[in-house]
Amino acid sequence: MKKLLISATITALLATSAMSFAKGPREGGELSKRMMAELNLTPEQKSDLRQIKKEAHQDSGIYRAEMSAYKDEMRTLMQMETWDETAVRALIEERMDGGLPLKLIGAKAKSQSYNVMTSEQKTMLAEKRAQKLAKRTTKMAKSDGDRGAKRLDKMAKRLDLSEQQKLAIGEIFAENQARRAANKADMKAKGETLRSIIQAPVFDEDAWLAFHAENKEAHLEKALLKAKSQFDILSLLNDEQKQKFAKMMKKAKHKKGEKRGGKRRDKSRQS
């Protein structure tokens, strides 16, 4: 029973990650509350933004409920003895198609939120985003070379990996890093395209849908590769290592939730 619980915990976390990746690139134009707090918004603007967020949340309720079913199905596939690429691909594609209305609701809300701002506020927002991106790019350039190695060493120590396991997982990490590097420019260009749609004076739903249709296959392939990597890593671990891995992932997820919760509390005080 304990073994089944451990396996379910791991595969649930991996399935959530894989299905999240199937959503494709992050929509351009998302407005951070921390940024918004620095834009000198009027009470009327803040009220409009709250109403936009409330309506989007209500409209997306039915689609959010449907997403849990996909995670359950992915969990089952990740628990199988052998990798079933056909089934995983079909499920990811179904998830992408089923999640499109939810993404569209979010895109419309972001467009409405952006156009609540004045020209001066939009300019200020663009400058802050550029500064944030430059800082993040510099930081990643400094750490990207050894980030994978540090992550692997940490994982090897905590899970007591054998040299053979460490080598195999290291190869998976290296392949993933190489793919990310190769796709970096492409993802940046796609993000800029989405941002231009979001930040247009009038949201063009046809253009937004056309973008996602054009890039659907590429997003599907990336999600499939990530799911396969996660499946391969899990298959390399013994039962004891899987138990430790489950604890590691739960702890990481908890810390991430605490960090987001703290940011939300800070932002609510600012607004």
C-alpha atoms as a PDB file:
ATOM      1  CA  MET A   1       0.000   0.000   0.000  1.00  0.00           C
ATOM      2  CA  LYS A   2       2.846   2.350   0.907  1.00  0.00           C
ATOM      3  CA  LYS A   3       4.567   1.570  -2.377  1.00  0.00           C
ATOM      4  CA  LEU A   4       1.430   2.423  -4.321  1.00  0.00           C
ATOM      5  CA  LEU A   5       1.050   5.684  -2.413  1.00  0.00           C
ATOM      6  CA  ILE A   6       4.629   6.704  -3.165  1.00  0.00           C
ATOM      7  CA  SER A   7       4.210   5.919  -6.851  1.00  0.00           C
ATOM      8  CA  ALA A   8       0.935   7.839  -6.995  1.00  0.00           C
ATOM      9  CA  THR A   9       2.511  10.869  -5.327  1.00  0.00           C
ATOM     10  CA  ILE A  10       5.399  11.002  -7.779  1.00  0.00           C
ATOM     11  CA  THR A  11       3.331  10.410 -10.875  1.00  0.00           C
ATOM     12  CA  ALA A  12       0.743  12.964  -9.787  1.00  0.00           C
ATOM     13  CA  LEU A  13       3.441  15.615  -9.526  1.00  0.00           C
ATOM     14  CA  LEU A  14       5.033  14.612 -12.813  1.00  0.00           C
ATOM     15  CA  ALA A  15       1.681  14.482 -14.561  1.00  0.00           C
ATOM     16  CA  THR A  16       0.828  17.982 -13.344  1.00  0.00           C
ATOM     17  CA  SER A  17       4.129  19.266 -14.695  1.00  0.00           C
ATOM     18  CA  ALA A  18       3.708  17.545 -18.046  1.00  0.00           C
ATOM     19  CA  MET A  19       0.155  18.765 -18.538  1.00  0.00           C
ATOM     20  CA  SER A  20       1.123  22.278 -17.506  1.00  0.00           C
ATOM     21  CA  PHE A  21       3.813  22.280 -20.180  1.00  0.00           C
ATOM     22  CA  ALA A  22       1.179  21.353 -22.751  1.00  0.00           C
ATOM     23  CA  LYS A  23      -0.354  24.779 -22.337  1.00  0.00           C
ATOM     24  CA  GLY A  24       2.371  26.207 -24.582  1.00  0.00           C
ATOM     25  CA  PRO A  25       4.263  29.495 -24.102  1.00  0.00           C
ATOM     26  CA  ARG A  26       3.179  31.954 -21.490  1.00  0.00           C
ATOM     27  CA  GLU A  27       0.767  34.493 -22.874  1.00  0.00           C
ATOM     28  CA  GLY A  28       2.368  37.826 -23.572  1.00  0.00           C
ATOM     29  CA  GLY A  29       1.169  40.934 -21.768  1.00  0.00           C
ATOM     30  CA  GLU A  30       0.449  39.444 -18.363  1.00  0.00           C
ATOM     31  CA  LEU A  31       0.390  42.233 -15.797  1.00  0.00           C
ATOM     32  CA  SER A  32       2.228  41.569 -12.553  1.00  0.00           C
ATOM     33  CA  LYS A  33       0.559  43.080  -9.502  1.00  0.00           C
ATOM     34  CA  ARG A  34       3.955  44.165  -8.256  1.00  0.00           C
ATOM     35  CA  MET A  35       4.473  46.123 -11.457  1.00  0.00           C
ATOM     36  CA  MET A  36       0.960  47.507 -11.319  1.00  0.00           C
ATOM     37  CA  ALA A  37       1.573  48.809  -7.802  1.00  0.00           C
ATOM     38  CA  GLU A  38       4.332  51.057  -9.188  1.00  0.00           C
ATOM     39  CA  LEU A  39       2.214  52.584 -11.947  1.00  0.00           C
ATOM     40  CA  ASN A  40       0.198  55.042  -9.823  1.00  0.00           C
ATOM     41  CA  LEU A  41      -3.153  53.542 -10.732  1.00  0.00           C
ATOM     42  CA  THR A  42      -6.253  55.501  -9.878  1.00  0.00           C
ATOM     43  CA  PRO A  43      -8.958  53.958  -7.645  1.00  0.00           C
ATOM     44  CA  GLU A  44     -11.132  53.635 -10.755  1.00  0.00           C
ATOM     45  CA  GLN A  45      -8.427  51.703 -12.604  1.00  0.00           C
ATOM     46  CA  LYS A  46      -7.910  49.360  -9.663  1.00  0.00           C
ATOM     47  CA  SER A  47     -11.654  48.761  -9.499  1.00  0.00           C
ATOM     48  CA  ASP A  48     -11.785  48.003 -13.230  1.00  0.00           C
ATOM     49  CA  LEU A  49      -8.917  45.523 -12.923  1.00  0.00           C
ATOM     50  CA  ARG A  50     -10.568  43.725 -10.027  1.00  0.00           C
ATOM     51  CA  GLN A  51     -13.803  43.424 -12.014  1.00  0.00           C
ATOM     52  CA  ILE A  52     -11.973  42.084 -15.085  1.00  0.00           C
ATOM     53  CA  LYS A  53     -10.215  39.475 -12.946  1.00  0.00           C
ATOM     54  CA  LYS A  54     -13.448  38.485 -11.215  1.00  0.00           C
ATOM     55  CA  GLU A  55     -15.352  37.999 -14.466  1.00  0.00           C
ATOM     56  CA  ALA A  56     -12.510  35.990 -16.032  1.00  0.00           C
ATOM     57  CA  HIS A  57     -12.367  33.749 -12.966  1.00  0.00           C
ATOM     58  CA  GLN A  58     -16.103  33.097 -13.156  1.00  0.00           C
ATOM     59  CA  ASP A  59     -16.024  32.395 -16.902  1.00  0.00           C
ATOM     60  CA  SER A  60     -13.124  29.959 -16.603  1.00  0.00           C
ATOM     61  CA  GLY A  61     -14.604  27.897 -13.765  1.00  0.00           C
ATOM     62  CA  ILE A  62     -16.116  25.183 -15.935  1.00  0.00           C
ATOM     63  CA  TYR A  63     -12.892  24.680 -17.899  1.00  0.00           C
ATOM     64  CA  ARG A  64     -10.691  24.505 -14.778  1.00  0.00           C
ATOM     65  CA  ALA A  65     -12.858  21.688 -13.445  1.00  0.00           C
ATOM     66  CA  GLU A  66     -12.354  19.709 -16.664  1.00  0.00           C
ATOM     67  CA  MET A  67      -8.560  19.937 -16.445  1.00  0.00           C
ATOM     68  CA  SER A  68      -8.345  17.604 -13.418  1.00  0.00           C
ATOM     69  CA  ALA A  69      -9.549  14.709 -15.570  1.00  0.00           C
ATOM     70  CA  TYR A  70      -6.543  15.089 -17.866  1.00  0.00           C
ATOM     71  CA  LYS A  71      -4.161  14.938 -14.903  1.00  0.00           C
ATOM     72  CA  ASP A  72      -5.745  11.695 -13.721  1.00  0.00           C
ATOM     73  CA  GLU A  73      -5.298  10.129 -17.147  1.00  0.00           C
ATOM     74  CA  MET A  74      -1.693  11.312 -17.430  1.00  0.00           C
ATOM     75  CA  ARG A  75      -0.958   9.895 -13.986  1.00  0.00           C
ATOM     76  CA  THR A  76      -2.109   6.479 -15.195  1.00  0.00           C
ATOM     77  CA  LEU A  77       0.129   6.668 -18.263  1.00  0.00           C
ATOM     78  CA  MET A  78       3.151   7.707 -16.185  1.00  0.00           C
ATOM     79  CA  GLN A  79       2.672   4.646 -13.963  1.00  0.00           C
ATOM     80  CA  MET A  80       2.834   2.156 -16.835  1.00  0.00           C
ATOM     81  CA  GLU A  81       5.722  -0.288 -17.184  1.00  0.00           C
ATOM     82  CA  THR A  82       6.617   0.957 -20.676  1.00  0.00           C
ATOM     83  CA  TRP A  83       6.394   4.319 -22.400  1.00  0.00           C
ATOM     84  CA  ASP A  84       3.258   4.649 -24.535  1.00  0.00           C
ATOM     85  CA  GLU A  85       4.066   7.576 -26.803  1.00  0.00           C
ATOM     86  CA  THR A  86       0.887   7.298 -28.850  1.00  0.00           C
ATOM     87  CA  ALA A  87      -1.361   7.470 -25.796  1.00  0.00           C
ATOM     88  CA  VAL A  88       0.622  10.296 -24.169  1.00  0.00           C
ATOM     89  CA  ARG A  89       0.655  12.320 -27.374  1.00  0.00           C
ATOM     90  CA  ALA A  90      -3.102  11.894 -27.818  1.00  0.00           C
ATOM     91  CA  LEU A  91      -3.765  12.965 -24.231  1.00  0.00           C
ATOM     92  CA  ILE A  92      -1.514  16.023 -24.463  1.00  0.00           C
ATOM     93  CA  GLU A  93      -3.193  17.078 -27.693  1.00  0.00           C
ATOM     94  CA  GLU A  94      -6.602  16.619 -26.090  1.00  0.00           C
ATOM     95  CA  ARG A  95      -5.414  18.713 -23.148  1.00  0.00           C
ATOM     96  CA  MET A  96      -4.194  21.467 -25.455  1.00  0.00           C
ATOM     97  CA  ASP A  97      -7.466  21.569 -27.398  1.00  0.00           C
ATOM     98  CA  GLY A  98      -9.572  21.382 -24.258  1.00  0.00           C
ATOM     99  CA  GLY A  99      -7.575  24.108 -22.541  1.00  0.00           C
ATOM    100  CA  LEU A 100      -7.732  26.577 -25.428  1.00  0.00           C
ATOM    101  CA  PRO A 101     -11.016  28.219 -24.325  1.00  0.00           C
ATOM    102  CA  LEU A 102      -9.520  28.737 -20.853  1.00  0.00           C
ATOM    103  CA  LYS A 103      -6.421  30.362 -22.362  1.00  0.00           C
ATOM    104  CA  LEU A 104      -8.613  32.565 -24.546  1.00  0.00           C
ATOM    105  CA  ILE A 105     -10.506  33.850 -21.513  1.00  0.00           C
ATOM    106  CA  GLY A 106      -7.204  34.695 -19.869  1.00  0.00           C
ATOM    107  CA  ALA A 107      -5.864  36.413 -22.989  1.00  0.00           C
ATOM    108  CA  LYS A 108      -8.953  38.602 -23.271  1.00  0.00           C
ATOM    109  CA  ALA A 109      -8.695  39.551 -19.588  1.00  0.00           C
ATOM    110  CA  LYS A 110      -5.023  40.503 -20.005  1.00  0.00           C
ATOM    111  CA  SER A 111      -5.870  42.611 -23.046  1.00  0.00           C
ATOM    112  CA  GLN A 112      -8.637  44.399 -21.157  1.00  0.00           C
ATOM    113  CA  SER A 113      -6.339  44.954 -18.173  1.00  0.00           C
ATOM    114  CA  TYR A 114      -3.587  46.374 -20.354  1.00  0.00           C
ATOM    115  CA  ASN A 115      -5.948  48.799 -22.040  1.00  0.00           C
ATOM    116  CA  VAL A 116      -7.202  50.114 -18.706  1.00  0.00           C
ATOM    117  CA  MET A 117      -3.856  51.925 -18.415  1.00  0.00           C
ATOM    118  CA  THR A 118      -2.943  55.316 -19.814  1.00  0.00           C
ATOM    119  CA  SER A 119      -0.240  55.762 -22.470  1.00  0.00           C
ATOM    120  CA  GLU A 120       2.174  56.970 -19.805  1.00  0.00           C
ATOM    121  CA  GLN A 121       1.515  53.925 -17.642  1.00  0.00           C
ATOM    122  CA  LYS A 122       1.987  51.589 -20.612  1.00  0.00           C
ATOM    123  CA  THR A 123       5.339  53.213 -21.374  1.00  0.00           C
ATOM    124  CA  MET A 124       6.426  52.876 -17.761  1.00  0.00           C
ATOM    125  CA  LEU A 125       5.344  49.236 -17.739  1.00  0.00           C
ATOM    126  CA  ALA A 126       7.358  48.508 -20.901  1.00  0.00           C
ATOM    127  CA  GLU A 127      10.460  50.074 -19.343  1.00  0.00           C
ATOM    128  CA  LYS A 128      10.108  48.045 -16.147  1.00  0.00           C
ATOM    129  CA  ARG A 129       9.610  44.847 -18.111  1.00  0.00           C
ATOM    130  CA  ALA A 130      12.727  45.569 -20.178  1.00  0.00           C
ATOM    131  CA  GLN A 131      14.765  46.130 -17.004  1.00  0.00           C
ATOM    132  CA  LYS A 132      13.444  42.939 -15.444  1.00  0.00           C
ATOM    133  CA  LEU A 133      14.191  40.918 -18.598  1.00  0.00           C
ATOM    134  CA  ALA A 134      17.736  42.285 -18.823  1.00  0.00           C
ATOM    135  CA  LYS A 135      18.392  41.402 -15.198  1.00  0.00           C
ATOM    136  CA  ARG A 136      16.979  37.896 -15.617  1.00  0.00           C
ATOM    137  CA  THR A 137      18.971  37.309 -18.820  1.00  0.00           C
ATOM    138  CA  THR A 138      22.208  38.359 -17.129  1.00  0.00           C
ATOM    139  CA  LYS A 139      21.525  36.129 -14.154  1.00  0.00           C
ATOM    140  CA  MET A 140      20.686  33.122 -16.316  1.00  0.00           C
ATOM    141  CA  ALA A 141      23.783  33.641 -18.478  1.00  0.00           C
ATOM    142  CA  LYS A 142      25.971  33.457 -15.392  1.00  0.00           C
ATOM    143  CA  SER A 143      24.314  30.403 -13.894  1.00  0.00           C
ATOM    144  CA  ASP A 144      23.178  28.391 -16.915  1.00  0.00           C
ATOM    145  CA  GLY A 145      26.497  26.651 -17.377  1.00  0.00           C
ATOM    146  CA  ASP A 146      26.559  24.993 -13.956  1.00  0.00           C
ATOM    147  CA  ARG A 147      22.892  25.021 -13.003  1.00  0.00           C
ATOM    148  CA  GLY A 148      22.266  21.553 -14.414  1.00  0.00           C
ATOM    149  CA  ALA A 149      25.392  20.164 -12.761  1.00  0.00           C
ATOM    150  CA  LYS A 150      24.411  21.578  -9.366  1.00  0.00           C
ATOM    151  CA  ARG A 151      20.905  20.214  -9.693  1.00  0.00           C
ATOM    152  CA  LEU A 152      22.253  16.785 -10.608  1.00  0.00           C
ATOM    153  CA  ASP A 153      24.749  16.767  -7.719  1.00  0.00           C
ATOM    154  CA  LYS A 154      22.007  17.731  -5.287  1.00  0.00           C
ATOM    155  CA  MET A 155      19.706  15.027  -6.603  1.00  0.00           C
ATOM    156  CA  ALA A 156      22.487  12.425  -6.526  1.00  0.00           C
ATOM    157  CA  LYS A 157      23.307  13.215  -2.907  1.00  0.00           C
ATOM    158  CA  ARG A 158      19.732  13.187  -1.647  1.00  0.00           C
ATOM    159  CA  LEU A 159      18.728  10.037  -3.521  1.00  0.00           C
ATOM    160  CA  ASP A 160      22.049   8.254  -3.111  1.00  0.00           C
ATOM    161  CA  LEU A 161      22.265   7.655  -6.855  1.00  0.00           C
ATOM    162  CA  SER A 162      24.742   5.165  -8.233  1.00  0.00           C
ATOM    163  CA  GLU A 163      27.299   6.392 -10.762  1.00  0.00           C
ATOM    164  CA  GLN A 164      25.328   4.676 -13.501  1.00  0.00           C
ATOM    165  CA  GLN A 165      22.084   6.376 -12.440  1.00  0.00           C
ATOM    166  CA  LYS A 166      23.793   9.742 -12.151  1.00  0.00           C
ATOM    167  CA  LEU A 167      25.292   9.391 -15.618  1.00  0.00           C
ATOM    168  CA  ALA A 168      21.935   8.428 -17.170  1.00  0.00           C
ATOM    169  CA  ILE A 169      20.035  11.252 -15.471  1.00  0.00           C
ATOM    170  CA  GLY A 170      22.827  13.667 -16.351  1.00  0.00           C
ATOM    171  CA  GLU A 171      22.397  12.796 -20.008  1.00  0.00           C
ATOM    172  CA  ILE A 172      18.659  13.526 -19.744  1.00  0.00           C
ATOM    173  CA  PHE A 173      19.390  16.896 -18.104  1.00  0.00           C
ATOM    174  CA  ALA A 174      21.938  17.753 -20.809  1.00  0.00           C
ATOM    175  CA  GLU A 175      19.516  16.914 -23.609  1.00  0.00           C
ATOM    176  CA  ASN A 176      16.801  19.045 -22.026  1.00  0.00           C
ATOM    177  CA  GLN A 177      19.183  21.970 -21.555  1.00  0.00           C
ATOM    178  CA  ALA A 178      20.370  21.736 -25.156  1.00  0.00           C
ATOM    179  CA  ARG A 179      16.777  21.793 -26.407  1.00  0.00           C
ATOM    180  CA  ARG A 180      15.959  24.835 -24.285  1.00  0.00           C
ATOM    181  CA  ALA A 181      19.008  26.674 -25.600  1.00  0.00           C
ATOM    182  CA  ALA A 182      18.153  25.795 -29.200  1.00  0.00           C
ATOM    183  CA  ASN A 183      14.560  26.984 -28.790  1.00  0.00           C
ATOM    184  CA  LYS A 184      15.360  30.151 -26.842  1.00  0.00           C
ATOM    185  CA  ALA A 185      15.242  32.570 -29.776  1.00  0.00           C
ATOM    186  CA  ASP A 186      12.109  30.948 -31.171  1.00  0.00           C
ATOM    187  CA  MET A 187      10.296  31.175 -27.834  1.00  0.00           C
ATOM    188  CA  LYS A 188      11.272  34.837 -27.507  1.00  0.00           C
ATOM    189  CA  ALA A 189       9.864  35.619 -30.949  1.00  0.00           C
ATOM    190  CA  LYS A 190       6.634  33.778 -30.172  1.00  0.00           C
ATOM    191  CA  GLY A 191       6.314  35.634 -26.896  1.00  0.00           C
ATOM    192  CA  GLU A 192       6.675  38.959 -28.681  1.00  0.00           C
ATOM    193  CA  THR A 193       3.983  37.949 -31.186  1.00  0.00           C
ATOM    194  CA  LEU A 194       1.574  37.063 -28.399  1.00  0.00           C
ATOM    195  CA  ARG A 195       2.386  40.266 -26.567  1.00  0.00           C
ATOM    196  CA  SER A 196       1.588  42.343 -29.647  1.00  0.00           C
ATOM    197  CA  ILE A 197      -1.831  40.677 -29.877  1.00  0.00           C
ATOM    198  CA  ILE A 198      -2.520  41.223 -26.177  1.00  0.00           C
ATOM    199  CA  GLN A 199      -1.385  44.844 -26.221  1.00  0.00           C
ATOM    200  CA  ALA A 200      -3.284  45.886 -29.340  1.00  0.00           C
ATOM    201  CA  PRO A 201      -5.970  48.565 -28.793  1.00  0.00           C
ATOM    202  CA  VAL A 202      -8.583  45.950 -29.750  1.00  0.00           C
ATOM    203  CA  PHE A 203      -8.075  42.260 -29.018  1.00  0.00           C
ATOM    204  CA  ASP A 204      -8.012  40.254 -32.270  1.00  0.00           C
ATOM    205  CA  GLU A 205      -9.420  36.853 -31.351  1.00  0.00           C
ATOM    206  CA  ASP A 206      -8.888  35.466 -34.856  1.00  0.00           C
ATOM    207  CA  ALA A 207      -5.194  36.394 -34.774  1.00  0.00           C
ATOM    208  CA  TRP A 208      -4.804  34.828 -31.333  1.00  0.00           C
ATOM    209  CA  LEU A 209      -6.478  31.580 -32.462  1.00  0.00           C
ATOM    210  CA  ALA A 210      -4.414  31.515 -35.665  1.00  0.00           C
ATOM    211  CA  PHE A 211      -1.191  31.833 -33.662  1.00  0.00           C
ATOM    212  CA  HIS A 212      -2.067  28.865 -31.458  1.00  0.00           C
ATOM    213  CA  ALA A 213      -3.168  26.764 -34.429  1.00  0.00           C
ATOM    214  CA  GLU A 214       0.079  27.504 -36.257  1.00  0.00           C
ATOM    215  CA  ASN A 215       2.233  26.589 -33.257  1.00  0.00           C
ATOM    216  CA  LYS A 216       0.181  23.685 -31.918  1.00  0.00           C
ATOM    217  CA  GLU A 217       2.379  20.893 -33.281  1.00  0.00           C
ATOM    218  CA  ALA A 218       5.585  22.467 -31.954  1.00  0.00           C
ATOM    219  CA  HIS A 219       4.066  22.897 -28.492  1.00  0.00           C
ATOM    220  CA  LEU A 220       2.808  19.318 -28.559  1.00  0.00           C
ATOM    221  CA  GLU A 221       6.273  17.970 -29.396  1.00  0.00           C
ATOM    222  CA  LYS A 222       7.889  19.934 -26.566  1.00  0.00           C
ATOM    223  CA  ALA A 223       5.323  18.706 -24.067  1.00  0.00           C
ATOM    224  CA  LEU A 224       5.802  15.128 -25.261  1.00  0.00           C
ATOM    225  CA  LEU A 225       9.592  15.358 -24.875  1.00  0.00           C
ATOM    226  CA  LYS A 226       9.243  16.722 -21.347  1.00  0.00           C
ATOM    227  CA  ALA A 227       6.847  13.960 -20.351  1.00  0.00           C
ATOM    228  CA  LYS A 228       9.226  11.359 -21.784  1.00  0.00           C
ATOM    229  CA  SER A 229      12.147  12.827 -19.821  1.00  0.00           C
ATOM    230  CA  GLN A 230      10.165  12.658 -16.599  1.00  0.00           C
ATOM    231  CA  PHE A 231       9.105   9.086 -17.322  1.00  0.00           C
ATOM    232  CA  ASP A 232      12.714   8.088 -18.050  1.00  0.00           C
ATOM    233  CA  ILE A 233      14.023   9.633 -14.820  1.00  0.00           C
ATOM    234  CA  LEU A 234      11.355   7.886 -12.759  1.00  0.00           C
ATOM    235  CA  SER A 235      12.120   4.542 -14.410  1.00  0.00           C
ATOM    236  CA  LEU A 236      15.762   4.800 -13.312  1.00  0.00           C
ATOM    237  CA  LEU A 237      14.933   4.966  -9.601  1.00  0.00           C
ATOM    238  CA  ASN A 238      14.416   2.075  -7.199  1.00  0.00           C
ATOM    239  CA  ASP A 239      11.564   2.025  -4.674  1.00  0.00           C
ATOM    240  CA  GLU A 240      13.574   3.682  -1.892  1.00  0.00           C
ATOM    241  CA  GLN A 241      14.779   6.429  -4.200  1.00  0.00           C
ATOM    242  CA  LYS A 242      11.247   6.997  -5.457  1.00  0.00           C
ATOM    243  CA  GLN A 243      10.140   7.506  -1.865  1.00  0.00           C
ATOM    244  CA  LYS A 244      12.855  10.110  -1.293  1.00  0.00           C
ATOM    245  CA  PHE A 245      12.098  11.702  -4.654  1.00  0.00           C
ATOM    246  CA  ALA A 246       8.421  12.023  -3.745  1.00  0.00           C
ATOM    247  CA  LYS A 247       9.366  13.854  -0.548  1.00  0.00           C
ATOM    248  CA  MET A 248      11.719  16.150  -2.463  1.00  0.00           C
ATOM    249  CA  MET A 249       9.046  17.081  -4.977  1.00  0.00           C
ATOM    250  CA  LYS A 250       6.378  17.649  -2.331  1.00  0.00           C
ATOM    251  CA  LYS A 251       8.757  19.872  -0.375  1.00  0.00           C
ATOM    252  CA  ALA A 252       9.695  21.855  -3.486  1.00  0.00           C
ATOM    253  CA  LYS A 253       6.044  22.278  -4.412  1.00  0.00           C
ATOM    254  CA  HIS A 254       5.227  23.423  -0.871  1.00  0.00           C
ATOM    255  CA  LYS A 255       8.025  26.008  -0.886  1.00  0.00           C
ATOM    256  CA  LYS A 256       6.889  27.287  -4.257  1.00  0.00           C
ATOM    257  CA  GLY A 257       3.351  27.655  -2.938  1.00  0.00           C
ATOM    258  CA  GLU A 258       4.584  29.498   0.147  1.00  0.00           C
ATOM    259  CA  LYS A 259       6.637  31.855  -2.001  1.00  0.00           C
ATOM    260  CA  ARG A 260       3.681  32.618  -4.246  1.00  0.00           C
ATOM    261  CA  GLY A 261       1.420  33.064  -1.257  1.00  0.00           C
ATOM    262  CA  GLY A 262       3.852  35.505   0.296  1.00  0.00           C
ATOM    263  CA  LYS A 263       4.041  37.481  -2.924  1.00  0.00           C
ATOM    264  CA  ARG A 264       0.259  37.579  -3.146  1.00  0.00           C
ATOM    265  CA  ARG A 265       0.032  38.899   0.413  1.00  0.00           C
ATOM    266  CA  ASP A 266       2.662  41.551  -0.289  1.00  0.00           C
ATOM    267  CA  LYS A 267       0.940  42.612  -3.467  1.00  0.00           C
ATOM    268  CA  SER A 268      -2.443  42.868  -1.770  1.00  0.00           C
ATOM    269  CA  ARG A 269      -0.954  45.232   0.795  1.00  0.00           C
ATOM    270  CA  GLN A 270       0.531  47.364  -1.977  1.00  0.00           C
ATOM    271  CA  SER A 271      -2.751  47.626  -3.851  1.00  0.00           C
END
